[in-house]
Protein backbone atom coordinates (compact mmCIF):
# COMPACT_ATOMS: atom_id res chain seq x y z
CA MET A 1 -30.81 -14.38 24.06
CA LYS A 2 -31.55 -10.67 24.37
CA PRO A 3 -29.26 -8.51 21.90
CA THR A 4 -26.98 -6.09 23.70
CA ASP A 5 -26.58 -2.29 22.77
CA PHE A 6 -23.06 -3.13 21.69
CA SER A 7 -24.39 -5.77 19.10
CA LYS A 8 -26.95 -3.49 17.83
CA TYR A 9 -24.75 -0.47 17.29
CA LEU A 10 -21.82 -2.53 15.87
CA SER A 11 -24.13 -4.01 13.26
CA GLY A 12 -25.40 -0.49 12.30
CA PHE A 13 -21.89 0.81 12.25
CA LEU A 14 -20.51 -2.03 9.85
CA THR A 15 -23.61 -2.58 7.57
CA GLY A 16 -25.03 1.02 7.52
CA TYR A 17 -22.78 3.85 8.72
CA LEU A 18 -19.38 2.82 6.98
CA ALA A 19 -21.04 1.93 3.64
CA HIS A 20 -23.68 4.65 3.35
CA GLU A 21 -22.54 7.50 5.35
CA ARG A 22 -18.89 7.36 5.06
CA GLY A 23 -18.63 5.70 1.65
CA ALA A 24 -15.99 3.19 2.99
CA SER A 25 -14.78 0.49 0.55
CA LYS A 26 -15.52 -3.12 0.81
CA ASN A 27 -12.01 -3.81 2.03
CA THR A 28 -12.16 -0.95 4.69
CA ILE A 29 -15.45 -2.59 6.29
CA CYS A 30 -13.57 -6.12 6.10
CA ALA A 31 -10.69 -4.68 8.04
CA TYR A 32 -12.91 -2.85 10.74
CA ARG A 33 -15.03 -6.21 11.07
CA ASP A 34 -11.97 -8.17 11.48
CA THR A 35 -10.85 -5.79 14.31
CA PHE A 36 -14.00 -6.39 16.10
CA VAL A 37 -13.78 -10.19 15.80
CA LEU A 38 -10.47 -9.99 17.46
CA PHE A 39 -11.70 -7.39 20.12
CA ILE A 40 -14.70 -9.84 20.88
CA GLY A 41 -12.55 -12.66 21.13
CA TYR A 42 -10.11 -10.80 23.55
CA MET A 43 -13.05 -9.56 25.81
CA THR A 44 -14.30 -13.16 25.88
CA THR A 45 -10.75 -14.31 27.42
CA GLN A 46 -11.25 -11.49 29.91
CA GLY A 47 -14.45 -12.95 31.21
CA THR A 48 -16.93 -10.96 29.04
CA PRO A 49 -18.47 -13.14 26.43
CA VAL A 50 -20.23 -11.68 23.48
CA ASN A 51 -23.78 -12.19 24.90
CA ARG A 52 -22.73 -10.03 27.82
CA LEU A 53 -20.67 -7.50 26.03
CA THR A 54 -22.18 -4.12 26.31
CA LEU A 55 -21.23 -0.51 25.62
CA GLU A 56 -20.70 -0.02 29.26
CA ALA A 57 -18.51 -2.90 29.61
CA ILE A 58 -15.89 -1.51 27.11
CA SER A 59 -13.62 1.16 28.95
CA GLN A 60 -10.47 2.87 27.89
CA SER A 61 -8.53 0.42 29.91
CA ALA A 62 -10.06 -2.65 28.17
CA VAL A 63 -9.18 -1.08 24.76
CA ILE A 64 -5.63 -0.49 25.96
CA GLY A 65 -5.48 -4.07 27.14
CA PHE A 66 -6.73 -5.25 23.79
CA LEU A 67 -4.02 -3.30 21.90
CA ASP A 68 -1.37 -4.58 24.44
CA TRP A 69 -2.53 -8.11 23.65
CA LEU A 70 -2.33 -7.68 19.99
CA GLN A 71 1.42 -6.87 20.29
CA ALA A 72 2.23 -9.37 23.07
CA GLU A 73 0.32 -12.25 22.18
CA ARG A 74 -0.10 -11.95 18.25
CA ASN A 75 3.33 -10.28 17.82
CA ASN A 76 1.69 -7.39 15.86
CA GLY A 77 3.83 -4.36 14.97
CA ASN A 78 2.93 -0.69 15.70
CA ALA A 79 1.33 -0.44 12.02
CA THR A 80 -1.21 -3.23 12.75
CA ARG A 81 -1.80 -2.02 16.20
CA ASN A 82 -2.61 1.30 14.65
CA ALA A 83 -4.86 0.19 12.02
CA ARG A 84 -6.94 -1.83 14.77
CA LEU A 85 -7.03 1.41 16.86
CA ALA A 86 -8.24 3.47 13.91
CA ALA A 87 -11.23 1.06 13.63
CA ILE A 88 -12.10 1.41 17.31
CA HIS A 89 -11.88 5.03 17.17
CA ALA A 90 -14.13 5.20 14.03
CA PHE A 91 -16.65 3.07 15.94
CA PHE A 92 -16.59 5.15 19.13
CA SER A 93 -16.77 8.52 17.20
CA TYR A 94 -19.95 6.95 15.75
CA ILE A 95 -21.25 5.96 19.14
CA GLN A 96 -20.66 9.30 20.76
CA TYR A 97 -23.41 10.65 18.55
CA GLN A 98 -25.73 7.69 18.77
CA GLN A 99 -25.37 7.36 22.71
CA PRO A 100 -24.35 10.71 24.25
CA GLU A 101 -24.73 9.20 27.71
CA HIS A 102 -21.61 7.31 26.96
CA LEU A 103 -19.91 10.43 25.55
CA TYR A 104 -17.22 10.66 28.52
CA GLU A 105 -16.08 6.98 27.91
CA CYS A 106 -16.04 7.52 24.28
CA GLN A 107 -13.78 10.53 24.42
CA LYS A 108 -11.38 8.79 26.76
CA ILE A 109 -11.18 5.87 24.18
CA LEU A 110 -10.64 8.48 21.33
CA SER A 111 -7.94 9.86 23.39
CA ILE A 112 -5.84 6.69 23.17
CA PRO A 113 -2.83 7.84 20.80
CA MET A 114 -1.42 6.06 17.94
CA LYS A 115 2.10 4.46 18.44
CA ARG A 116 5.05 6.01 16.25
CA LYS A 117 5.86 3.44 13.53
CA ALA A 118 9.53 2.75 12.83
CA THR A 119 10.77 4.50 9.61
CA VAL A 120 12.03 1.86 7.24
CA PRO A 121 13.71 2.46 3.83
CA MET A 122 11.37 2.15 0.94
CA ASN A 123 11.77 -1.06 -0.97
CA TYR A 124 11.71 -0.71 -4.83
CA LEU A 125 13.35 -2.38 -7.84
CA THR A 126 15.68 -0.81 -10.40
CA ILE A 127 14.65 -0.69 -13.99
CA GLU A 128 17.05 -3.77 -14.47
CA GLY A 129 15.31 -5.51 -11.57
CA ILE A 130 11.74 -5.00 -13.23
CA ARG A 131 13.24 -6.36 -16.68
CA ALA A 132 14.66 -9.52 -14.82
CA LEU A 133 11.42 -10.18 -13.21
CA LEU A 134 9.20 -9.93 -16.37
CA LYS A 135 11.87 -11.96 -18.44
CA GLN A 136 11.17 -15.16 -16.37
CA HIS A 137 7.54 -15.97 -17.79
CA ASP A 138 7.21 -18.85 -20.06
CA ILE A 139 4.96 -17.39 -22.70
CA ARG A 140 4.54 -20.73 -24.36
CA THR A 141 2.02 -21.54 -21.47
CA VAL A 142 -1.37 -20.05 -20.85
CA LYS A 143 -0.41 -19.23 -17.28
CA GLY A 144 2.99 -17.77 -18.28
CA ARG A 145 1.09 -15.34 -20.67
CA ARG A 146 -1.49 -14.43 -18.06
CA ASP A 147 1.23 -13.83 -15.27
CA LEU A 148 3.25 -11.54 -17.80
CA ALA A 149 0.18 -9.69 -18.74
CA LEU A 150 -0.84 -9.14 -15.01
CA LEU A 151 2.63 -8.24 -13.39
CA SER A 152 3.54 -5.82 -16.43
CA LEU A 153 0.08 -4.15 -16.02
CA MET A 154 0.66 -3.82 -12.23
CA TYR A 155 3.97 -2.18 -12.70
CA ASP A 156 3.10 -0.03 -15.62
CA THR A 157 -0.22 1.50 -13.93
CA GLY A 158 1.22 1.66 -10.50
CA ALA A 159 -1.86 0.04 -9.36
CA ARG A 160 -2.49 -1.52 -5.81
CA VAL A 161 -2.91 -5.24 -5.85
CA GLN A 162 -6.79 -5.02 -4.93
CA GLU A 163 -7.24 -2.57 -7.84
CA ILE A 164 -5.66 -5.04 -10.29
CA ILE A 165 -7.77 -7.81 -8.79
CA ASP A 166 -11.04 -5.83 -9.39
CA LEU A 167 -10.30 -5.04 -13.04
CA LYS A 168 -12.75 -6.07 -15.70
CA PRO A 169 -12.52 -5.92 -19.43
CA ALA A 170 -14.91 -2.89 -19.37
CA SER A 171 -12.28 -1.13 -17.29
CA LEU A 172 -10.03 -0.93 -20.58
CA ARG A 173 -10.14 1.28 -23.46
CA LEU A 174 -7.97 -0.05 -26.23
CA ASP A 175 -7.95 2.29 -29.09
CA VAL A 176 -6.31 5.42 -29.87
CA LEU A 177 -6.11 6.56 -26.36
CA ASN A 178 -5.29 3.24 -24.61
CA THR A 179 -6.28 3.98 -21.02
CA ILE A 180 -7.52 2.08 -18.06
CA ARG A 181 -10.05 3.05 -15.48
CA ILE A 182 -9.02 2.13 -12.05
CA ALA A 183 -11.25 2.10 -8.94
CA GLY A 184 -9.08 3.09 -5.94
CA LYS A 185 -9.59 3.75 -2.33
CA GLY A 186 -12.81 5.41 -1.22
CA ASN A 187 -14.31 4.12 -4.59
CA LYS A 188 -12.50 6.97 -6.22
CA THR A 189 -12.04 6.37 -10.04
CA ARG A 190 -8.92 7.48 -11.94
CA ILE A 191 -7.94 7.20 -15.52
CA VAL A 192 -4.29 5.96 -16.29
CA PRO A 193 -2.70 5.98 -19.79
CA MET A 194 -1.16 2.86 -21.15
CA LEU A 195 1.73 2.63 -23.45
CA GLU A 196 1.70 0.77 -26.52
CA ASP A 197 4.07 -2.01 -25.30
CA GLN A 198 1.55 -2.76 -22.51
CA VAL A 199 -1.17 -2.95 -25.01
CA LYS A 200 0.56 -5.32 -27.21
CA LEU A 201 0.75 -7.61 -24.24
CA LEU A 202 -2.90 -7.20 -23.20
CA LYS A 203 -4.60 -7.48 -26.69
CA PRO A 204 -3.71 -11.05 -27.19
CA TYR A 205 -4.32 -12.18 -23.76
CA ILE A 206 -7.90 -10.69 -23.80
CA ALA A 207 -8.53 -12.20 -27.27
CA GLU A 208 -7.27 -15.54 -26.14
CA HIS A 209 -9.86 -15.68 -23.15
CA GLY A 210 -12.79 -14.29 -25.12
CA LEU A 211 -12.70 -11.19 -22.92
CA ASP A 212 -13.13 -8.89 -26.02
CA GLN A 213 -16.76 -10.33 -26.37
CA GLY A 214 -19.34 -8.02 -24.92
CA ALA A 215 -20.92 -10.78 -22.67
CA ASN A 216 -17.57 -11.01 -20.85
CA ASN A 217 -17.31 -7.11 -20.02
CA GLU A 218 -17.93 -7.77 -16.31
CA HIS A 219 -15.72 -10.81 -16.15
CA PRO A 220 -12.68 -10.54 -14.08
CA LEU A 221 -9.62 -9.43 -16.16
CA PHE A 222 -7.46 -11.84 -14.38
CA PHE A 223 -8.78 -15.05 -13.05
CA ASN A 224 -7.64 -18.55 -11.87
CA SER A 225 -8.34 -21.95 -13.33
CA ARG A 226 -11.87 -22.04 -11.99
CA GLY A 227 -12.61 -18.57 -13.66
CA GLU A 228 -12.69 -16.81 -10.42
CA LYS A 229 -10.83 -13.41 -9.93
CA LEU A 230 -7.52 -13.89 -8.21
CA THR A 231 -7.08 -13.17 -4.57
CA ARG A 232 -4.31 -10.93 -2.90
CA ALA A 233 -2.46 -13.94 -1.72
CA GLY A 234 -2.77 -15.61 -5.18
CA VAL A 235 -1.24 -12.53 -6.94
CA ASN A 236 1.47 -12.17 -4.37
CA HIS A 237 2.25 -15.98 -4.95
CA ILE A 238 2.70 -15.43 -8.67
CA LEU A 239 5.04 -12.29 -7.92
CA LEU A 240 7.17 -14.41 -5.55
CA LYS A 241 7.46 -17.17 -7.86
CA TYR A 242 8.89 -15.06 -10.59
CA ALA A 243 11.05 -13.03 -8.08
CA ASP A 244 12.81 -16.37 -7.05
CA MET A 245 13.28 -17.46 -10.49
CA ALA A 246 15.07 -14.10 -11.32
CA ARG A 247 17.12 -14.43 -8.19
CA SER A 248 18.35 -17.89 -9.39
CA ALA A 249 19.10 -16.58 -12.95
CA ARG A 250 21.27 -13.86 -11.15
CA GLU A 251 20.39 -11.08 -13.66
CA ALA A 252 19.72 -8.44 -11.22
CA ASN A 253 19.86 -8.01 -7.52
CA LEU A 254 16.39 -8.26 -6.16
CA PRO A 255 15.66 -7.44 -2.60
CA ASP A 256 15.24 -10.33 -0.13
CA LYS A 257 11.67 -9.15 0.61
CA ILE A 258 9.29 -8.26 -2.28
CA SER A 259 5.68 -7.69 -2.28
CA CYS A 260 2.96 -6.49 -4.93
CA HIS A 261 3.26 -3.03 -3.36
CA VAL A 262 7.07 -2.88 -4.26
CA LEU A 263 5.92 -2.75 -7.98
CA ARG A 264 3.86 0.31 -7.18
CA HIS A 265 6.83 1.89 -5.48
CA SER A 266 9.01 1.01 -8.39
CA LYS A 267 6.88 2.73 -10.98
CA ALA A 268 6.82 5.91 -8.75
CA MET A 269 10.34 5.91 -8.31
CA HIS A 270 11.11 5.41 -11.89
CA LEU A 271 8.71 8.08 -13.08
CA LEU A 272 10.24 10.46 -10.47
CA GLN A 273 13.91 9.66 -11.71
CA ALA A 274 12.81 10.24 -15.34
CA GLY A 275 11.77 13.70 -14.34
CA VAL A 276 8.04 13.48 -14.04
CA ASN A 277 6.23 16.10 -12.03
CA LEU A 278 4.97 14.92 -8.73
CA VAL A 279 1.48 16.12 -9.39
CA TYR A 280 1.20 13.65 -12.40
CA ILE A 281 2.78 10.89 -10.38
CA ARG A 282 0.03 11.56 -7.73
CA ASP A 283 -2.71 11.47 -10.36
CA ILE A 284 -1.29 8.08 -11.69
CA LEU A 285 -1.11 6.46 -8.22
CA GLY A 286 -4.49 7.90 -7.02
CA HIS A 287 -2.96 9.74 -4.01
CA VAL A 288 -5.53 12.29 -2.49
CA SER A 289 -2.66 14.82 -1.82
CA VAL A 290 0.69 15.40 -3.40
CA GLN A 291 2.06 15.50 0.10
CA THR A 292 1.54 11.62 0.16
CA THR A 293 3.50 11.21 -3.01
CA GLU A 294 6.42 13.48 -1.64
CA VAL A 295 7.64 10.27 0.09
CA TYR A 296 9.21 9.01 -3.10
CA ALA A 297 11.03 12.33 -3.67
CA ARG A 298 12.35 12.03 0.06
CA ALA A 299 13.41 8.30 -0.68
CA ASP A 300 15.31 9.05 -3.91
CA SER A 301 18.78 9.33 -2.79
CA ARG A 302 19.93 9.67 -6.39
CA ALA A 303 17.83 12.64 -7.01
CA LYS A 304 19.02 14.11 -3.86
CA ARG A 305 22.62 13.78 -4.83
CA GLU A 306 22.00 15.33 -8.36
CA ALA A 307 20.03 18.21 -6.73
CA ILE A 308 23.02 19.03 -4.47
CA GLU A 309 25.67 18.63 -7.11
CA LYS A 310 23.74 21.05 -9.33
CA ALA A 311 23.43 23.72 -6.44
CA TYR A 312 26.83 22.94 -5.03
CA THR A 313 29.38 25.85 -4.77
CA SER A 314 32.96 24.77 -3.79
CA VAL A 315 34.27 26.63 -0.72
CA ALA A 316 37.26 24.29 -0.04
CA PRO A 317 40.56 26.07 -0.79
CA HIS A 318 42.26 25.06 -3.90
CA LYS A 319 45.81 25.57 -2.59
CA GLU A 320 47.40 24.28 0.52
CA PRO A 321 46.89 26.70 3.60
CA VAL A 322 49.37 29.52 3.84
CA TRP A 323 50.72 28.19 7.19
CA LEU A 324 51.81 24.96 5.54
CA SER A 325 54.12 26.75 3.09
CA ASN A 326 55.45 29.19 5.76
CA ASP A 327 58.49 27.40 7.46
CA ASN A 328 58.81 29.85 10.54
CA LEU A 329 55.20 29.77 11.09
CA LEU A 330 55.20 25.83 10.80
CA ASP A 331 58.09 25.65 13.23
CA TRP A 332 56.46 27.79 15.65
CA LEU A 333 53.32 25.69 15.55
CA LYS A 334 55.10 22.38 16.14
CA HIS A 335 56.75 23.80 19.25
CA PHE A 336 53.79 25.56 20.73
């Protein structure tokens, strides 16, 4: 079977351009790959199998049809649709320089707009909610000790779930400074300080599993019973298990829906409520711009209330209006 130009350029885009020229992370490349797996499947249902799928066969209307199919047949929301469209935009932005003869159709595809996402309130736990969650671990068991070290570290560092999964003992510096090196999005690395209470949980866990031995420096910091690093689904399962236990204990009001990212949101909100500057919160979370971090300030209703109360000057009258105490005027108003 003769390869098509689409297969040639898609392979170059995924294996060469994204990794080497764009510096995209492994997760981004996997997400883009999954988009094109879905797109190829969709085009096959439309009568264009992969062995006949060329750049010329991919039009603006075909891409729009694919996006509509995602929402109608797969029940994807606007956020998922937009993520798939971002992958397609990136590919055709690449194609317009590789194949200028397709420039017009590329630009038509690049003009497909993102859909506005519904604004939903930010989901985060109170301090009491975090305490209730971390109280549920049975530290008499190996798994209980691991899970407590895992979830408490995820909260204390505000790390994304993938960042926690990718940690190794070499990422930690447990001495006077007590810091952790986190590899974030776009392979950007940040150093986050750890407090003594967190270190007291990590040191016994590390010693118990021999992770303080030099030979294990590159071993996953958190791993399953087979010694393999945890998956995103595995970490989420651990979190949901303890969240269900905390709800059953009725020690705090936890939201019905909770995810690993909620712990990150919770840490950011608690830092903000404690008066930590947004610039420092940005650095801890690994945001590129402080504008991204400002979402927490907009979501914190308590901070808004306190700011309004500090700046508030009463303009309400302290006495009843003059006309209420004037009988003649009151009579006239009643009979007007």
